[in-house]
């Protein structure tokens, strides 16, 4: 019978310091009837099933989808910013 070798490895991530976060806007009390923009840039890999899942899980949300299958992000217009209650923005490569 052979002797087992023991290998020790260090975690390259290191120790993460806690970070204080600040919300950019107050949390919505409900999503029902709210207008949420779903903005996608890049390849549509995971965003296609994610869009379908969000629409099926939250049918009472007014979904506005912006798709840009390039490397250039298209920001929301001033009018869209005024009417949006929330934004989900995804970048896929």
PDB file of N, CA and C in Angstrom:
ATOM      1  N   UNK A   1       0.840  -1.168   0.000  1.00  0.00           N
ATOM      2  CA  UNK A   1       0.000   0.000   0.000  1.00  0.00           C
ATOM      3  C   UNK A   1       0.891   1.239   0.000  1.00  0.00           C
ATOM      4  N   UNK A   2       0.523   2.206  -0.843  1.00  0.00           N
ATOM      5  CA  UNK A   2       1.350   3.416  -0.945  1.00  0.00           C
ATOM      6  C   UNK A   2       0.845   4.486   0.013  1.00  0.00           C
ATOM      7  N   UNK A   3       1.743   5.393   0.358  1.00  0.00           N
ATOM      8  CA  UNK A   3       1.394   6.483   1.261  1.00  0.00           C
ATOM      9  C   UNK A   3       0.735   7.611   0.476  1.00  0.00           C
ATOM     10  N   UNK A   4      -0.311   8.226   1.027  1.00  0.00           N
ATOM     11  CA  UNK A   4      -1.007   9.322   0.358  1.00  0.00           C
ATOM     12  C   UNK A   4      -0.198  10.608   0.480  1.00  0.00           C
ATOM     13  N   UNK A   5      -0.210  11.365  -0.615  1.00  0.00           N
ATOM     14  CA  UNK A   5       0.430  12.681  -0.588  1.00  0.00           C
ATOM     15  C   UNK A   5      -0.596  13.728  -0.181  1.00  0.00           C
ATOM     16  N   UNK A   6      -0.180  14.696   0.587  1.00  0.00           N
ATOM     17  CA  UNK A   6      -1.060  15.777   1.011  1.00  0.00           C
ATOM     18  C   UNK A   6      -0.604  17.049   0.332  1.00  0.00           C
ATOM     19  N   UNK A   7      -1.537  17.703  -0.355  1.00  0.00           N
ATOM     20  CA  UNK A   7      -1.236  18.964  -1.042  1.00  0.00           C
ATOM     21  C   UNK A   7      -2.005  20.084  -0.362  1.00  0.00           C
ATOM     22  N   UNK A   8      -1.350  21.196  -0.111  1.00  0.00           N
ATOM     23  CA  UNK A   8      -2.006  22.359   0.467  1.00  0.00           C
ATOM     24  C   UNK A   8      -2.049  23.457  -0.586  1.00  0.00           C
ATOM     25  N   UNK A   9      -3.198  24.101  -0.695  1.00  0.00           N
ATOM     26  CA  UNK A   9      -3.380  25.172  -1.677  1.00  0.00           C
ATOM     27  C   UNK A   9      -3.880  26.421  -0.973  1.00  0.00           C
ATOM     28  N   UNK A  10      -3.466  27.562  -1.477  1.00  0.00           N
ATOM     29  CA  UNK A  10      -3.955  28.832  -0.972  1.00  0.00           C
ATOM     30  C   UNK A  10      -5.059  29.333  -1.887  1.00  0.00           C
ATOM     31  N   UNK A  11      -6.075  29.936  -1.313  1.00  0.00           N
ATOM     32  CA  UNK A  11      -7.166  30.498  -2.084  1.00  0.00           C
ATOM     33  C   UNK A  11      -6.685  31.811  -2.714  1.00  0.00           C
ATOM     34  N   UNK A  12      -6.690  31.925  -4.046  1.00  0.00           N
ATOM     35  CA  UNK A  12      -6.186  33.141  -4.694  1.00  0.00           C
ATOM     36  C   UNK A  12      -7.093  34.359  -4.502  1.00  0.00           C
ATOM     37  N   UNK A  13      -8.319  34.152  -4.038  1.00  0.00           N
ATOM     38  CA  UNK A  13      -9.240  35.262  -3.852  1.00  0.00           C
ATOM     39  C   UNK A  13      -8.796  36.133  -2.679  1.00  0.00           C
ATOM     40  N   UNK A  14      -8.264  35.513  -1.670  1.00  0.00           N
ATOM     41  CA  UNK A  14      -7.842  36.266  -0.499  1.00  0.00           C
ATOM     42  C   UNK A  14      -8.993  36.511   0.451  1.00  0.00           C
ATOM     43  N   UNK A  15      -8.851  37.491   1.289  1.00  0.00           N
ATOM     44  CA  UNK A  15      -9.877  37.831   2.273  1.00  0.00           C
ATOM     45  C   UNK A  15     -10.559  39.110   1.818  1.00  0.00           C
ATOM     46  N   UNK A  16     -11.865  39.030   1.666  1.00  0.00           N
ATOM     47  CA  UNK A  16     -12.612  40.197   1.220  1.00  0.00           C
ATOM     48  C   UNK A  16     -13.061  41.025   2.411  1.00  0.00           C
ATOM     49  N   UNK A  17     -12.829  42.310   2.341  1.00  0.00           N
ATOM     50  CA  UNK A  17     -13.258  43.238   3.389  1.00  0.00           C
ATOM     51  C   UNK A  17     -14.730  43.573   3.172  1.00  0.00           C
ATOM     52  N   UNK A  18     -15.521  43.701   4.231  1.00  0.00           N
ATOM     53  CA  UNK A  18     -16.923  44.104   4.057  1.00  0.00           C
ATOM     54  C   UNK A  18     -17.014  45.517   3.480  1.00  0.00           C
ATOM     55  N   UNK A  19     -18.010  45.726   2.619  1.00  0.00           N
ATOM     56  CA  UNK A  19     -18.185  47.007   1.948  1.00  0.00           C
ATOM     57  C   UNK A  19     -19.568  47.555   2.283  1.00  0.00           C
ATOM     58  N   UNK A  20     -19.642  48.831   2.614  1.00  0.00           N
ATOM     59  CA  UNK A  20     -20.921  49.456   2.875  1.00  0.00           C
ATOM     60  C   UNK A  20     -21.547  49.849   1.535  1.00  0.00           C
ATOM     61  N   UNK A  21     -22.816  49.502   1.339  1.00  0.00           N
ATOM     62  CA  UNK A  21     -23.493  49.813   0.078  1.00  0.00           C
ATOM     63  C   UNK A  21     -24.591  50.840   0.323  1.00  0.00           C
ATOM     64  N   UNK A  22     -24.923  51.568  -0.737  1.00  0.00           N
ATOM     65  CA  UNK A  22     -25.947  52.594  -0.684  1.00  0.00           C
ATOM     66  C   UNK A  22     -26.889  52.398  -1.868  1.00  0.00           C
ATOM     67  N   UNK A  23     -28.206  52.336  -1.627  1.00  0.00           N
ATOM     68  CA  UNK A  23     -29.143  52.179  -2.745  1.00  0.00           C
ATOM     69  C   UNK A  23     -29.197  53.453  -3.593  1.00  0.00           C
ATOM     70  N   UNK A  24     -29.380  53.278  -4.890  1.00  0.00           N
ATOM     71  CA  UNK A  24     -29.506  54.414  -5.794  1.00  0.00           C
ATOM     72  C   UNK A  24     -30.922  54.980  -5.792  1.00  0.00           C
ATOM     73  N   UNK A  25     -31.878  54.149  -5.411  1.00  0.00           N
ATOM     74  CA  UNK A  25     -33.283  54.570  -5.367  1.00  0.00           C
ATOM     75  C   UNK A  25     -33.991  53.736  -4.307  1.00  0.00           C
ATOM     76  N   UNK A  26     -35.101  54.217  -3.798  1.00  0.00           N
ATOM     77  CA  UNK A  26     -35.839  53.412  -2.820  1.00  0.00           C
ATOM     78  C   UNK A  26     -36.410  52.149  -3.466  1.00  0.00           C
ATOM     79  N   UNK A  27     -36.511  51.107  -2.672  1.00  0.00           N
ATOM     80  CA  UNK A  27     -37.056  49.840  -3.157  1.00  0.00           C
ATOM     81  C   UNK A  27     -38.543  49.999  -3.474  1.00  0.00           C
ATOM     82  N   UNK A  28     -38.988  49.394  -4.580  1.00  0.00           N
ATOM     83  CA  UNK A  28     -40.406  49.457  -4.950  1.00  0.00           C
ATOM     84  C   UNK A  28     -41.222  48.628  -3.968  1.00  0.00           C
ATOM     85  N   UNK A  29     -42.408  49.112  -3.597  1.00  0.00           N
ATOM     86  CA  UNK A  29     -43.259  48.371  -2.669  1.00  0.00           C
ATOM     87  C   UNK A  29     -43.893  47.162  -3.352  1.00  0.00           C
ATOM     88  N   UNK A  30     -44.146  47.264  -4.647  1.00  0.00           N
ATOM     89  CA  UNK A  30     -44.693  46.162  -5.436  1.00  0.00           C
ATOM     90  C   UNK A  30     -44.233  46.316  -6.877  1.00  0.00           C
ATOM     91  N   UNK A  31     -44.233  45.216  -7.620  1.00  0.00           N
ATOM     92  CA  UNK A  31     -43.896  45.276  -9.043  1.00  0.00           C
ATOM     93  C   UNK A  31     -45.146  45.327  -9.920  1.00  0.00           C
ATOM     94  N   UNK A  32     -46.298  45.007  -9.341  1.00  0.00           N
ATOM     95  CA  UNK A  32     -47.541  44.989 -10.112  1.00  0.00           C
ATOM     96  C   UNK A  32     -47.821  46.356 -10.724  1.00  0.00           C
ATOM     97  N   UNK A  33     -48.004  46.383 -12.040  1.00  0.00           N
ATOM     98  CA  UNK A  33     -48.325  47.606 -12.750  1.00  0.00           C
ATOM     99  C   UNK A  33     -47.136  48.523 -13.003  1.00  0.00           C
ATOM    100  N   UNK A  34     -45.953  48.129 -12.569  1.00  0.00           N
ATOM    101  CA  UNK A  34     -44.766  48.964 -12.758  1.00  0.00           C
ATOM    102  C   UNK A  34     -44.164  48.714 -14.143  1.00  0.00           C
ATOM    103  N   UNK A  35     -43.487  49.732 -14.675  1.00  0.00           N
ATOM    104  CA  UNK A  35     -42.797  49.616 -15.958  1.00  0.00           C
ATOM    105  C   UNK A  35     -41.323  49.355 -15.693  1.00  0.00           C
ATOM    106  N   UNK A  36     -40.863  48.175 -16.105  1.00  0.00           N
ATOM    107  CA  UNK A  36     -39.471  47.773 -15.903  1.00  0.00           C
ATOM    108  C   UNK A  36     -38.819  47.609 -17.271  1.00  0.00           C
ATOM    109  N   UNK A  37     -37.704  48.294 -17.477  1.00  0.00           N
ATOM    110  CA  UNK A  37     -36.941  48.151 -18.709  1.00  0.00           C
ATOM    111  C   UNK A  37     -35.922  47.038 -18.541  1.00  0.00           C
ATOM    112  N   UNK A  38     -35.809  46.197 -19.551  1.00  0.00           N
ATOM    113  CA  UNK A  38     -34.843  45.108 -19.585  1.00  0.00           C
ATOM    114  C   UNK A  38     -33.927  45.408 -20.764  1.00  0.00           C
ATOM    115  N   UNK A  39     -32.728  45.896 -20.477  1.00  0.00           N
ATOM    116  CA  UNK A  39     -31.801  46.345 -21.505  1.00  0.00           C
ATOM    117  C   UNK A  39     -30.665  45.335 -21.653  1.00  0.00           C
ATOM    118  N   UNK A  40     -30.494  44.826 -22.872  1.00  0.00           N
ATOM    119  CA  UNK A  40     -29.514  43.776 -23.138  1.00  0.00           C
ATOM    120  C   UNK A  40     -28.506  44.279 -24.172  1.00  0.00           C
ATOM    121  N   UNK A  41     -27.233  44.098 -23.871  1.00  0.00           N
ATOM    122  CA  UNK A  41     -26.161  44.452 -24.812  1.00  0.00           C
ATOM    123  C   UNK A  41     -25.268  43.234 -24.997  1.00  0.00           C
ATOM    124  N   UNK A  42     -24.845  42.986 -26.217  1.00  0.00           N
ATOM    125  CA  UNK A  42     -23.941  41.872 -26.494  1.00  0.00           C
ATOM    126  C   UNK A  42     -24.689  40.653 -26.987  1.00  0.00           C
ATOM    127  N   UNK A  43     -24.082  39.491 -26.804  1.00  0.00           N
ATOM    128  CA  UNK A  43     -24.672  38.229 -27.256  1.00  0.00           C
ATOM    129  C   UNK A  43     -25.897  37.883 -26.409  1.00  0.00           C
ATOM    130  N   UNK A  44     -26.927  37.322 -27.027  1.00  0.00           N
ATOM    131  CA  UNK A  44     -28.175  37.049 -26.307  1.00  0.00           C
ATOM    132  C   UNK A  44     -28.175  35.724 -25.545  1.00  0.00           C
ATOM    133  N   UNK A  45     -27.015  35.217 -25.160  1.00  0.00           N
ATOM    134  CA  UNK A  45     -26.903  33.888 -24.550  1.00  0.00           C
ATOM    135  C   UNK A  45     -27.951  33.601 -23.480  1.00  0.00           C
ATOM    136  N   UNK A  46     -27.746  34.105 -22.291  1.00  0.00           N
ATOM    137  CA  UNK A  46     -28.630  33.793 -21.171  1.00  0.00           C
ATOM    138  C   UNK A  46     -29.826  34.737 -21.102  1.00  0.00           C
ATOM    139  N   UNK A  47     -29.747  35.856 -21.793  1.00  0.00           N
ATOM    140  CA  UNK A  47     -30.810  36.852 -21.660  1.00  0.00           C
ATOM    141  C   UNK A  47     -32.134  36.417 -22.281  1.00  0.00           C
ATOM    142  N   UNK A  48     -32.110  35.552 -23.283  1.00  0.00           N
ATOM    143  CA  UNK A  48     -33.358  35.083 -23.901  1.00  0.00           C
ATOM    144  C   UNK A  48     -34.179  34.260 -22.899  1.00  0.00           C
ATOM    145  N   UNK A  49     -33.595  33.225 -22.260  1.00  0.00           N
ATOM    146  CA  UNK A  49     -34.395  32.504 -21.262  1.00  0.00           C
ATOM    147  C   UNK A  49     -34.701  33.347 -20.025  1.00  0.00           C
ATOM    148  N   UNK A  50     -33.803  34.280 -19.665  1.00  0.00           N
ATOM    149  CA  UNK A  50     -34.059  35.152 -18.517  1.00  0.00           C
ATOM    150  C   UNK A  50     -35.257  36.055 -18.791  1.00  0.00           C
ATOM    151  N   UNK A  51     -35.335  36.598 -19.992  1.00  0.00           N
ATOM    152  CA  UNK A  51     -36.476  37.441 -20.362  1.00  0.00           C
ATOM    153  C   UNK A  51     -37.779  36.650 -20.286  1.00  0.00           C
ATOM    154  N   UNK A  52     -37.793  35.429 -20.814  1.00  0.00           N
ATOM    155  CA  UNK A  52     -38.995  34.590 -20.777  1.00  0.00           C
ATOM    156  C   UNK A  52     -39.392  34.268 -19.337  1.00  0.00           C
ATOM    157  N   UNK A  53     -38.401  33.970 -18.497  1.00  0.00           N
ATOM    158  CA  UNK A  53     -38.657  33.620 -17.101  1.00  0.00           C
ATOM    159  C   UNK A  53     -39.227  34.818 -16.332  1.00  0.00           C
ATOM    160  N   UNK A  54     -38.632  35.990 -16.525  1.00  0.00           N
ATOM    161  CA  UNK A  54     -39.130  37.183 -15.831  1.00  0.00           C
ATOM    162  C   UNK A  54     -40.566  37.504 -16.240  1.00  0.00           C
ATOM    163  N   UNK A  55     -40.846  37.409 -17.544  1.00  0.00           N
ATOM    164  CA  UNK A  55     -42.193  37.709 -18.029  1.00  0.00           C
ATOM    165  C   UNK A  55     -43.216  36.704 -17.506  1.00  0.00           C
ATOM    166  N   UNK A  56     -42.825  35.435 -17.364  1.00  0.00           N
ATOM    167  CA  UNK A  56     -43.775  34.440 -16.851  1.00  0.00           C
ATOM    168  C   UNK A  56     -43.931  34.540 -15.340  1.00  0.00           C
ATOM    169  N   UNK A  57     -42.858  34.878 -14.612  1.00  0.00           N
ATOM    170  CA  UNK A  57     -42.937  34.987 -13.156  1.00  0.00           C
ATOM    171  C   UNK A  57     -43.625  36.280 -12.699  1.00  0.00           C
ATOM    172  N   UNK A  58     -43.527  37.320 -13.510  1.00  0.00           N
ATOM    173  CA  UNK A  58     -44.098  38.622 -13.161  1.00  0.00           C
ATOM    174  C   UNK A  58     -45.008  39.114 -14.298  1.00  0.00           C
ATOM    175  N   UNK A  59     -46.177  38.479 -14.465  1.00  0.00           N
ATOM    176  CA  UNK A  59     -47.050  38.829 -15.590  1.00  0.00           C
ATOM    177  C   UNK A  59     -47.712  40.200 -15.452  1.00  0.00           C
ATOM    178  N   UNK A  60     -47.781  40.754 -14.253  1.00  0.00           N
ATOM    179  CA  UNK A  60     -48.443  42.043 -14.049  1.00  0.00           C
ATOM    180  C   UNK A  60     -47.497  43.224 -14.215  1.00  0.00           C
ATOM    181  N   UNK A  61     -46.254  42.949 -14.584  1.00  0.00           N
ATOM    182  CA  UNK A  61     -45.271  44.008 -14.827  1.00  0.00           C
ATOM    183  C   UNK A  61     -45.355  44.414 -16.297  1.00  0.00           C
ATOM    184  N   UNK A  62     -45.216  45.694 -16.559  1.00  0.00           N
ATOM    185  CA  UNK A  62     -45.155  46.184 -17.937  1.00  0.00           C
ATOM    186  C   UNK A  62     -43.684  46.126 -18.345  1.00  0.00           C
ATOM    187  N   UNK A  63     -43.329  45.145 -19.158  1.00  0.00           N
ATOM    188  CA  UNK A  63     -41.936  44.936 -19.568  1.00  0.00           C
ATOM    189  C   UNK A  63     -41.642  45.705 -20.848  1.00  0.00           C
ATOM    190  N   UNK A  64     -40.576  46.464 -20.856  1.00  0.00           N
ATOM    191  CA  UNK A  64     -40.074  47.152 -22.048  1.00  0.00           C
ATOM    192  C   UNK A  64     -38.671  46.600 -22.281  1.00  0.00           C
ATOM    193  N   UNK A  65     -38.460  45.971 -23.431  1.00  0.00           N
ATOM    194  CA  UNK A  65     -37.184  45.309 -23.703  1.00  0.00           C
ATOM    195  C   UNK A  65     -36.426  46.075 -24.773  1.00  0.00           C
ATOM    196  N   UNK A  66     -35.159  46.371 -24.479  1.00  0.00           N
ATOM    197  CA  UNK A  66     -34.258  47.003 -25.452  1.00  0.00           C
ATOM    198  C   UNK A  66     -33.117  46.034 -25.689  1.00  0.00           C
ATOM    199  N   UNK A  67     -32.943  45.616 -26.936  1.00  0.00           N
ATOM    200  CA  UNK A  67     -31.883  44.671 -27.276  1.00  0.00           C
ATOM    201  C   UNK A  67     -30.907  45.316 -28.248  1.00  0.00           C
ATOM    202  N   UNK A  68     -29.642  45.215 -27.930  1.00  0.00           N
ATOM    203  CA  UNK A  68     -28.586  45.719 -28.807  1.00  0.00           C
ATOM    204  C   UNK A  68     -27.520  44.639 -28.886  1.00  0.00           C
ATOM    205  N   UNK A  69     -27.477  43.914 -29.980  1.00  0.00           N
ATOM    206  CA  UNK A  69     -26.521  42.817 -30.094  1.00  0.00           C
ATOM    207  C   UNK A  69     -25.208  43.305 -30.688  1.00  0.00           C
ATOM    208  N   UNK A  70     -24.702  44.374 -30.107  1.00  0.00           N
ATOM    209  CA  UNK A  70     -23.389  44.905 -30.471  1.00  0.00           C
ATOM    210  C   UNK A  70     -22.617  45.130 -29.174  1.00  0.00           C
ATOM    211  N   UNK A  71     -21.453  45.730 -29.271  1.00  0.00           N
ATOM    212  CA  UNK A  71     -20.664  46.023 -28.071  1.00  0.00           C
ATOM    213  C   UNK A  71     -20.948  47.418 -27.531  1.00  0.00           C
ATOM    214  N   UNK A  72     -21.862  48.134 -28.165  1.00  0.00           N
ATOM    215  CA  UNK A  72     -22.172  49.504 -27.747  1.00  0.00           C
ATOM    216  C   UNK A  72     -23.475  49.515 -26.958  1.00  0.00           C
ATOM    217  N   UNK A  73     -23.404  49.983 -25.713  1.00  0.00           N
ATOM    218  CA  UNK A  73     -24.592  50.070 -24.863  1.00  0.00           C
ATOM    219  C   UNK A  73     -25.467  51.234 -25.316  1.00  0.00           C
ATOM    220  N   UNK A  74     -26.750  50.997 -25.470  1.00  0.00           N
ATOM    221  CA  UNK A  74     -27.686  52.050 -25.825  1.00  0.00           C
ATOM    222  C   UNK A  74     -28.403  52.487 -24.547  1.00  0.00           C
ATOM    223  N   UNK A  75     -28.133  53.697 -24.075  1.00  0.00           N
ATOM    224  CA  UNK A  75     -28.761  54.140 -22.820  1.00  0.00           C
ATOM    225  C   UNK A  75     -30.248  54.422 -23.019  1.00  0.00           C
ATOM    226  N   UNK A  76     -30.975  54.455 -21.920  1.00  0.00           N
ATOM    227  CA  UNK A  76     -32.381  54.821 -21.987  1.00  0.00           C
ATOM    228  C   UNK A  76     -32.486  56.296 -22.370  1.00  0.00           C
ATOM    229  N   UNK A  77     -33.482  56.617 -23.168  1.00  0.00           N
ATOM    230  CA  UNK A  77     -33.708  58.007 -23.545  1.00  0.00           C
ATOM    231  C   UNK A  77     -34.272  58.764 -22.340  1.00  0.00           C
ATOM    232  N   UNK A  78     -34.320  60.085 -22.447  1.00  0.00           N
ATOM    233  CA  UNK A  78     -34.874  60.894 -21.369  1.00  0.00           C
ATOM    234  C   UNK A  78     -36.333  60.523 -21.102  1.00  0.00           C
ATOM    235  N   UNK A  79     -37.095  60.279 -22.167  1.00  0.00           N
ATOM    236  CA  UNK A  79     -38.504  59.903 -22.015  1.00  0.00           C
ATOM    237  C   UNK A  79     -38.626  58.544 -21.324  1.00  0.00           C
ATOM    238  N   UNK A  80     -37.768  57.583 -21.701  1.00  0.00           N
ATOM    239  CA  UNK A  80     -37.791  56.267 -21.063  1.00  0.00           C
ATOM    240  C   UNK A  80     -37.415  56.368 -19.584  1.00  0.00           C
ATOM    241  N   UNK A  81     -36.464  57.227 -19.273  1.00  0.00           N
ATOM    242  CA  UNK A  81     -36.047  57.414 -17.881  1.00  0.00           C
ATOM    243  C   UNK A  81     -37.199  57.968 -17.040  1.00  0.00           C
ATOM    244  N   UNK A  82     -38.021  58.833 -17.639  1.00  0.00           N
ATOM    245  CA  UNK A  82     -39.150  59.420 -16.911  1.00  0.00           C
ATOM    246  C   UNK A  82     -40.248  58.391 -16.637  1.00  0.00           C
ATOM    247  N   UNK A  83     -40.439  57.440 -17.561  1.00  0.00           N
ATOM    248  CA  UNK A  83     -41.535  56.480 -17.424  1.00  0.00           C
ATOM    249  C   UNK A  83     -41.108  55.181 -16.754  1.00  0.00           C
ATOM    250  N   UNK A  84     -39.810  54.962 -16.573  1.00  0.00           N
ATOM    251  CA  UNK A  84     -39.326  53.707 -15.999  1.00  0.00           C
ATOM    252  C   UNK A  84     -39.448  53.709 -14.478  1.00  0.00           C
ATOM    253  N   UNK A  85     -39.937  52.592 -13.953  1.00  0.00           N
ATOM    254  CA  UNK A  85     -39.948  52.384 -12.512  1.00  0.00           C
ATOM    255  C   UNK A  85     -38.729  51.583 -12.075  1.00  0.00           C
ATOM    256  N   UNK A  86     -38.125  50.870 -13.030  1.00  0.00           N
ATOM    257  CA  UNK A  86     -36.952  50.066 -12.723  1.00  0.00           C
ATOM    258  C   UNK A  86     -36.217  49.676 -13.987  1.00  0.00           C
ATOM    259  N   UNK A  87     -34.987  49.190 -13.831  1.00  0.00           N
ATOM    260  CA  UNK A  87     -34.147  48.811 -14.968  1.00  0.00           C
ATOM    261  C   UNK A  87     -33.338  47.582 -14.617  1.00  0.00           C
ATOM    262  N   UNK A  88     -33.367  46.599 -15.506  1.00  0.00           N
ATOM    263  CA  UNK A  88     -32.468  45.447 -15.416  1.00  0.00           C
ATOM    264  C   UNK A  88     -31.569  45.562 -16.630  1.00  0.00           C
ATOM    265  N   UNK A  89     -30.281  45.706 -16.392  1.00  0.00           N
ATOM    266  CA  UNK A  89     -29.359  45.902 -17.495  1.00  0.00           C
ATOM    267  C   UNK A  89     -28.356  44.757 -17.519  1.00  0.00           C
ATOM    268  N   UNK A  90     -28.232  44.108 -18.677  1.00  0.00           N
ATOM    269  CA  UNK A  90     -27.336  42.980 -18.798  1.00  0.00           C
ATOM    270  C   UNK A  90     -26.370  43.144 -19.950  1.00  0.00           C
ATOM    271  N   UNK A  91     -25.130  42.710 -19.732  1.00  0.00           N
ATOM    272  CA  UNK A  91     -24.106  42.738 -20.772  1.00  0.00           C
ATOM    273  C   UNK A  91     -23.558  41.322 -20.895  1.00  0.00           C
ATOM    274  N   UNK A  92     -23.643  40.740 -22.075  1.00  0.00           N
ATOM    275  CA  UNK A  92     -23.163  39.375 -22.313  1.00  0.00           C
ATOM    276  C   UNK A  92     -22.131  39.398 -23.427  1.00  0.00           C
ATOM    277  N   UNK A  93     -21.091  38.627 -23.266  1.00  0.00           N
ATOM    278  CA  UNK A  93     -20.046  38.543 -24.303  1.00  0.00           C
ATOM    279  C   UNK A  93     -19.907  37.139 -24.791  1.00  0.00           C
TER     280      UNK A  93
END
